[in-house]
């Protein structure tokens, strides 16, 4: 709930503190007088005067993500990300009674963040996504998640030095802002798709492969703000997917925007009834560069 994380949130216009309005959480108000309405589903939209440049995933993509992830197909990814968040908190000597603050960028349905909060005692989370369809799910994904609609490429509506860990799962990365909101010993845990991810589906469905060198570029782009902590970990496993699961996996990805739905379904129908599909990604941890 927003009440659990209000001390972490900031006015996206000027960075001032946010507090609940006098209307029992129908609004939040900044110290400088800006008011932001809390949607009836429980999320708040925090963006500057320019508004949101992107709409993010639509409701059908969020539904597909919910369907696919709830099937447990990416469980090894979820476990790996949570493990690295735990390691980051341990290395920073964050005590359980401190109620560690975990932020997920591009949080979607809250699947990864919820798992981390369930695993890490007394933790609380902020799920940020540019999609209002995602925020509606996020707000009810876990009792200790505060759901926020915001643009990851702009100033994040979080207070400077307030966050213990940031999770980024196949989502945008804003190194300068991550460095600003992290505590001095805080870390970013990034899951990046690697060449070979979903390779068995790419040719028959007409989907582009993952670009080579994504992790190296991410590290280079973060230079000056964040630096690598420890060794990146490759997580690779096989999934046994039926056609419905394949449809959901593609439906939750950017490919859903680039292939006509009817064409995609026709291609999926030509696949075997079940397929072994490879999942492959790299977990990288980044800490403050200074």
Protein backbone atom coordinates (compact mmCIF):
# COMPACT_ATOMS: atom_id res chain seq x y z
CA UNK A 1 0.00 0.00 0.00
CA UNK A 2 1.07 3.59 -0.59
CA UNK A 3 0.95 4.20 3.17
CA UNK A 4 3.86 1.77 3.62
CA UNK A 5 6.15 3.68 1.25
CA UNK A 6 4.98 7.30 1.36
CA UNK A 7 8.23 8.30 3.10
CA UNK A 8 10.15 7.14 0.01
CA UNK A 9 8.09 9.05 -2.55
CA UNK A 10 8.85 12.53 -3.86
CA UNK A 11 7.14 15.21 -5.91
CA UNK A 12 8.22 14.54 -9.53
CA UNK A 13 8.32 18.28 -10.20
CA UNK A 14 10.71 19.41 -7.48
CA UNK A 15 11.63 16.39 -5.36
CA UNK A 16 9.88 17.65 -2.22
CA UNK A 17 8.33 15.31 0.32
CA UNK A 18 4.90 13.77 -0.25
CA UNK A 19 2.34 13.20 2.49
CA UNK A 20 -1.28 11.97 2.43
CA UNK A 21 -3.94 14.58 1.81
CA UNK A 22 -6.66 15.40 4.30
CA UNK A 23 -9.05 13.09 2.42
CA UNK A 24 -7.84 9.70 3.72
CA UNK A 25 -5.54 8.74 0.86
CA UNK A 26 -7.65 10.03 -2.02
CA UNK A 27 -4.71 12.34 -2.77
CA UNK A 28 -1.06 12.83 -1.85
CA UNK A 29 0.29 16.34 -1.46
CA UNK A 30 3.83 17.69 -1.71
CA UNK A 31 5.45 20.18 0.66
CA UNK A 32 5.39 22.67 -2.21
CA UNK A 33 1.64 22.36 -2.71
CA UNK A 34 1.29 19.98 -5.65
CA UNK A 35 -1.57 17.48 -5.37
CA UNK A 36 -1.70 14.03 -6.98
CA UNK A 37 -4.85 11.94 -7.08
CA UNK A 38 -4.78 8.36 -5.85
CA UNK A 39 -6.77 6.13 -8.20
CA UNK A 40 -9.57 4.05 -6.71
CA UNK A 41 -7.47 0.92 -7.39
CA UNK A 42 -4.81 2.32 -5.04
CA UNK A 43 -2.03 3.57 -7.34
CA UNK A 44 -0.80 7.12 -7.88
CA UNK A 45 0.51 8.75 -11.06
CA UNK A 46 3.61 10.84 -10.38
CA UNK A 47 5.01 12.59 -13.43
CA UNK A 48 6.25 16.10 -14.14
CA UNK A 49 4.56 18.82 -16.13
CA UNK A 50 5.35 17.18 -19.48
CA UNK A 51 3.24 14.16 -18.56
CA UNK A 52 3.95 10.61 -19.69
CA UNK A 53 5.62 10.16 -23.07
CA UNK A 54 4.66 6.49 -23.38
CA UNK A 55 1.62 4.43 -22.45
CA UNK A 56 3.50 1.20 -21.82
CA UNK A 57 1.93 -2.25 -21.96
CA UNK A 58 -1.78 -2.35 -22.65
CA UNK A 59 -4.29 -4.47 -20.74
CA UNK A 60 -3.94 -7.44 -23.11
CA UNK A 61 -0.15 -7.51 -22.64
CA UNK A 62 -0.54 -7.31 -18.87
CA UNK A 63 -3.08 -10.16 -18.98
CA UNK A 64 -0.63 -12.23 -21.04
CA UNK A 65 2.15 -11.52 -18.56
CA UNK A 66 -0.04 -12.56 -15.66
CA UNK A 67 -0.99 -15.77 -17.45
CA UNK A 68 2.56 -16.73 -18.38
CA UNK A 69 4.28 -15.83 -15.11
CA UNK A 70 1.60 -17.44 -12.95
CA UNK A 71 2.39 -20.71 -14.72
CA UNK A 72 5.81 -20.67 -13.02
CA UNK A 73 7.72 -20.90 -16.28
CA UNK A 74 10.23 -18.21 -15.24
CA UNK A 75 10.61 -19.47 -11.66
CA UNK A 76 14.43 -19.81 -11.93
CA UNK A 77 14.64 -16.16 -13.01
CA UNK A 78 12.47 -15.08 -10.07
CA UNK A 79 14.55 -17.08 -7.59
CA UNK A 80 17.81 -15.73 -8.98
CA UNK A 81 16.71 -12.09 -8.83
CA UNK A 82 15.44 -12.45 -5.26
CA UNK A 83 18.64 -14.22 -4.22
CA UNK A 84 20.75 -11.35 -5.56
CA UNK A 85 18.56 -8.78 -3.81
CA UNK A 86 19.10 -10.71 -0.57
CA UNK A 87 22.86 -10.72 -1.22
CA UNK A 88 22.82 -6.98 -1.88
CA UNK A 89 21.01 -6.28 1.39
CA UNK A 90 23.35 -8.58 3.32
CA UNK A 91 26.42 -6.86 1.87
CA UNK A 92 24.97 -3.48 2.87
CA UNK A 93 24.31 -4.83 6.40
CA UNK A 94 20.64 -3.84 6.20
CA UNK A 95 18.84 -5.05 9.32
CA UNK A 96 15.39 -6.63 9.05
CA UNK A 97 13.99 -4.16 11.54
CA UNK A 98 15.05 -1.37 9.17
CA UNK A 99 12.21 -2.35 6.78
CA UNK A 100 14.41 -2.39 3.67
CA UNK A 101 13.04 -0.50 0.69
CA UNK A 102 13.04 -2.34 -2.64
CA UNK A 103 12.02 -0.64 -5.89
CA UNK A 104 11.19 -2.46 -9.11
CA UNK A 105 11.34 -0.54 -12.38
CA UNK A 106 8.92 -1.78 -15.03
CA UNK A 107 7.25 -3.87 -12.34
CA UNK A 108 4.33 -5.02 -14.49
CA UNK A 109 2.05 -7.29 -12.49
CA UNK A 110 4.35 -7.24 -9.44
CA UNK A 111 5.31 -10.90 -9.79
CA UNK A 112 9.04 -10.45 -9.17
CA UNK A 113 8.65 -7.76 -6.52
CA UNK A 114 6.04 -9.77 -4.61
CA UNK A 115 8.36 -12.76 -4.49
CA UNK A 116 11.17 -10.60 -3.09
CA UNK A 117 8.88 -9.10 -0.45
CA UNK A 118 7.63 -12.55 0.57
CA UNK A 119 11.20 -13.78 0.93
CA UNK A 120 12.81 -10.78 2.64
CA UNK A 121 11.31 -10.25 6.06
CA UNK A 122 9.97 -6.77 6.90
CA UNK A 123 10.76 -5.46 3.42
CA UNK A 124 8.52 -3.03 1.56
CA UNK A 125 8.37 -2.22 -2.11
CA UNK A 126 7.61 0.44 -4.67
CA UNK A 127 6.51 -0.88 -8.06
CA UNK A 128 7.01 1.65 -10.86
CA UNK A 129 5.55 1.21 -14.31
CA UNK A 130 4.52 3.60 -17.07
CA UNK A 131 1.42 1.48 -17.77
CA UNK A 132 -1.80 2.23 -15.89
CA UNK A 133 -3.00 -1.29 -16.74
CA UNK A 134 0.06 -2.60 -14.90
CA UNK A 135 -0.45 -0.22 -11.97
CA UNK A 136 -3.96 -1.53 -11.39
CA UNK A 137 -2.50 -5.03 -10.90
CA UNK A 138 0.49 -3.78 -8.95
CA UNK A 139 -1.63 -1.97 -6.39
CA UNK A 140 -3.20 -5.26 -5.35
CA UNK A 141 -0.29 -7.62 -5.99
CA UNK A 142 1.05 -7.54 -2.43
CA UNK A 143 0.04 -5.75 0.78
CA UNK A 144 3.47 -4.11 1.07
CA UNK A 145 3.70 -2.75 -2.49
CA UNK A 146 3.04 0.89 -3.28
CA UNK A 147 2.12 1.21 -6.97
CA UNK A 148 3.27 4.26 -8.92
CA UNK A 149 2.81 5.24 -12.56
CA UNK A 150 5.96 7.05 -13.70
CA UNK A 151 8.40 7.26 -16.60
CA UNK A 152 11.64 5.41 -15.89
CA UNK A 153 13.51 7.68 -18.32
CA UNK A 154 12.55 10.83 -16.40
CA UNK A 155 13.23 11.93 -12.84
CA UNK A 156 12.02 9.11 -10.64
CA UNK A 157 9.48 10.21 -7.97
CA UNK A 158 11.63 8.89 -5.13
CA UNK A 159 13.65 10.70 -2.50
CA UNK A 160 17.40 10.92 -2.80
CA UNK A 161 19.29 8.18 -0.98
CA UNK A 162 16.11 6.40 0.16
CA UNK A 163 16.30 2.99 -1.52
CA UNK A 164 18.18 -0.15 -0.43
CA UNK A 165 17.81 -2.15 -3.66
CA UNK A 166 16.45 -1.70 -7.17
CA UNK A 167 15.20 -4.55 -9.34
CA UNK A 168 15.14 -4.25 -13.14
CA UNK A 169 13.77 -7.28 -15.01
CA UNK A 170 13.84 -6.91 -18.81
CA UNK A 171 13.00 -3.22 -18.27
CA UNK A 172 14.51 0.25 -18.85
CA UNK A 173 17.55 1.37 -16.87
CA UNK A 174 18.26 4.96 -15.82
CA UNK A 175 21.70 4.80 -14.20
CA UNK A 176 21.86 8.44 -13.13
CA UNK A 177 18.51 8.25 -11.37
CA UNK A 178 19.30 4.87 -9.84
CA UNK A 179 22.47 6.30 -8.34
CA UNK A 180 20.54 9.28 -6.99
CA UNK A 181 17.83 7.31 -5.18
CA UNK A 182 20.07 4.50 -3.88
CA UNK A 183 21.56 4.61 -0.42
CA UNK A 184 25.38 4.71 -0.43
CA UNK A 185 25.63 0.92 -0.05
CA UNK A 186 22.54 0.16 -2.15
CA UNK A 187 22.62 -1.97 -5.29
CA UNK A 188 20.73 -2.46 -8.56
CA UNK A 189 19.91 -6.04 -9.58
CA UNK A 190 19.41 -6.24 -13.35
CA UNK A 191 18.11 -9.25 -15.30
CA UNK A 192 19.03 -8.91 -18.99
CA UNK A 193 18.02 -11.34 -21.75
CA UNK A 194 20.99 -13.03 -23.39
CA UNK A 195 21.53 -14.38 -26.89
CA UNK A 196 19.75 -17.75 -27.05
CA UNK A 197 16.75 -16.65 -24.99
CA UNK A 198 13.63 -18.24 -26.55
CA UNK A 199 15.79 -19.23 -29.52
CA UNK A 200 13.51 -22.11 -30.54
CA UNK A 201 10.60 -19.71 -31.11
CA UNK A 202 12.33 -16.96 -33.02
CA UNK A 203 12.55 -18.40 -36.54
CA UNK A 204 9.10 -20.06 -36.70
CA UNK A 205 7.37 -16.99 -35.24
CA UNK A 206 9.46 -14.35 -36.99
CA UNK A 207 10.82 -12.78 -33.79
CA UNK A 208 14.13 -10.95 -33.67
CA UNK A 209 16.89 -12.50 -31.57
CA UNK A 210 18.42 -10.76 -28.57
CA UNK A 211 21.24 -8.41 -29.55
CA UNK A 212 24.74 -9.50 -28.65
CA UNK A 213 26.61 -7.54 -25.99
CA UNK A 214 23.55 -6.18 -24.16
CA UNK A 215 25.11 -6.62 -20.73
CA UNK A 216 28.40 -5.00 -21.75
CA UNK A 217 26.53 -2.01 -23.20
CA UNK A 218 24.43 -1.70 -20.06
CA UNK A 219 27.57 -1.64 -17.89
CA UNK A 220 29.23 0.92 -20.17
CA UNK A 221 26.15 3.16 -20.19
CA UNK A 222 26.07 3.08 -16.37
CA UNK A 223 29.71 4.19 -16.14
CA UNK A 224 30.21 7.23 -13.94
CA UNK A 225 27.05 6.46 -11.98
CA UNK A 226 27.17 2.74 -11.18
CA UNK A 227 29.81 0.01 -11.27
CA UNK A 228 29.62 -3.78 -11.38
CA UNK A 229 29.57 -5.60 -8.03
CA UNK A 230 30.78 -9.20 -8.16
CA UNK A 231 30.48 -11.46 -11.18
CA UNK A 232 27.40 -11.44 -13.43
CA UNK A 233 25.50 -14.76 -13.29
CA UNK A 234 24.06 -16.49 -16.34
CA UNK A 235 20.75 -18.22 -15.63
CA UNK A 236 19.72 -20.76 -18.27
CA UNK A 237 17.02 -23.43 -18.17
CA UNK A 238 14.53 -25.25 -20.35
CA UNK A 239 10.76 -24.79 -20.30
CA UNK A 240 8.14 -27.20 -21.58
CA UNK A 241 5.56 -24.91 -23.16
CA UNK A 242 2.25 -25.67 -24.82
CA UNK A 243 0.80 -23.41 -27.50
CA UNK A 244 -1.27 -21.40 -25.02
CA UNK A 245 1.83 -20.68 -22.92
CA UNK A 246 3.79 -19.70 -26.02
CA UNK A 247 0.97 -17.36 -27.03
CA UNK A 248 1.05 -15.76 -23.57
CA UNK A 249 4.85 -15.41 -23.61
CA UNK A 250 4.85 -13.65 -26.97
CA UNK A 251 1.78 -11.63 -26.00
CA UNK A 252 3.60 -10.11 -23.01
CA UNK A 253 6.65 -9.10 -25.05
CA UNK A 254 7.40 -6.24 -27.48
CA UNK A 255 6.87 -8.75 -30.29
CA UNK A 256 3.15 -8.46 -29.61
CA UNK A 257 3.28 -4.91 -31.00
CA UNK A 258 5.17 -5.83 -34.17
CA UNK A 259 3.30 -8.88 -35.44
CA UNK A 260 -0.40 -8.81 -36.31
CA UNK A 261 -2.28 -10.92 -33.73
CA UNK A 262 -3.93 -13.09 -36.38
CA UNK A 263 -0.61 -13.76 -38.12
CA UNK A 264 1.00 -14.61 -34.80
CA UNK A 265 -1.75 -17.04 -33.85
CA UNK A 266 -1.51 -18.73 -37.24
CA UNK A 267 2.22 -19.23 -36.75
CA UNK A 268 1.75 -20.56 -33.22
CA UNK A 269 -0.86 -23.03 -34.49
CA UNK A 270 1.79 -24.52 -36.79
CA UNK A 271 4.06 -25.33 -33.84
CA UNK A 272 4.05 -28.72 -32.05
CA UNK A 273 1.48 -29.04 -29.27
CA UNK A 274 4.34 -28.75 -26.74
CA UNK A 275 7.89 -27.50 -27.21
CA UNK A 276 11.08 -27.36 -25.19
CA UNK A 277 12.12 -23.71 -25.14
CA UNK A 278 15.35 -22.25 -23.71
CA UNK A 279 15.27 -19.33 -21.29
CA UNK A 280 18.58 -17.48 -20.91
CA UNK A 281 19.44 -14.25 -19.12
CA UNK A 282 22.18 -12.63 -17.05
CA UNK A 283 21.86 -11.20 -13.53
CA UNK A 284 24.17 -8.24 -12.96
CA UNK A 285 24.57 -6.27 -9.74
CA UNK A 286 25.60 -2.64 -9.80
CA UNK A 287 26.58 -0.40 -6.90
CA UNK A 288 27.42 3.28 -6.50
CA UNK A 289 30.40 4.34 -8.62
CA UNK A 290 31.52 6.90 -6.03
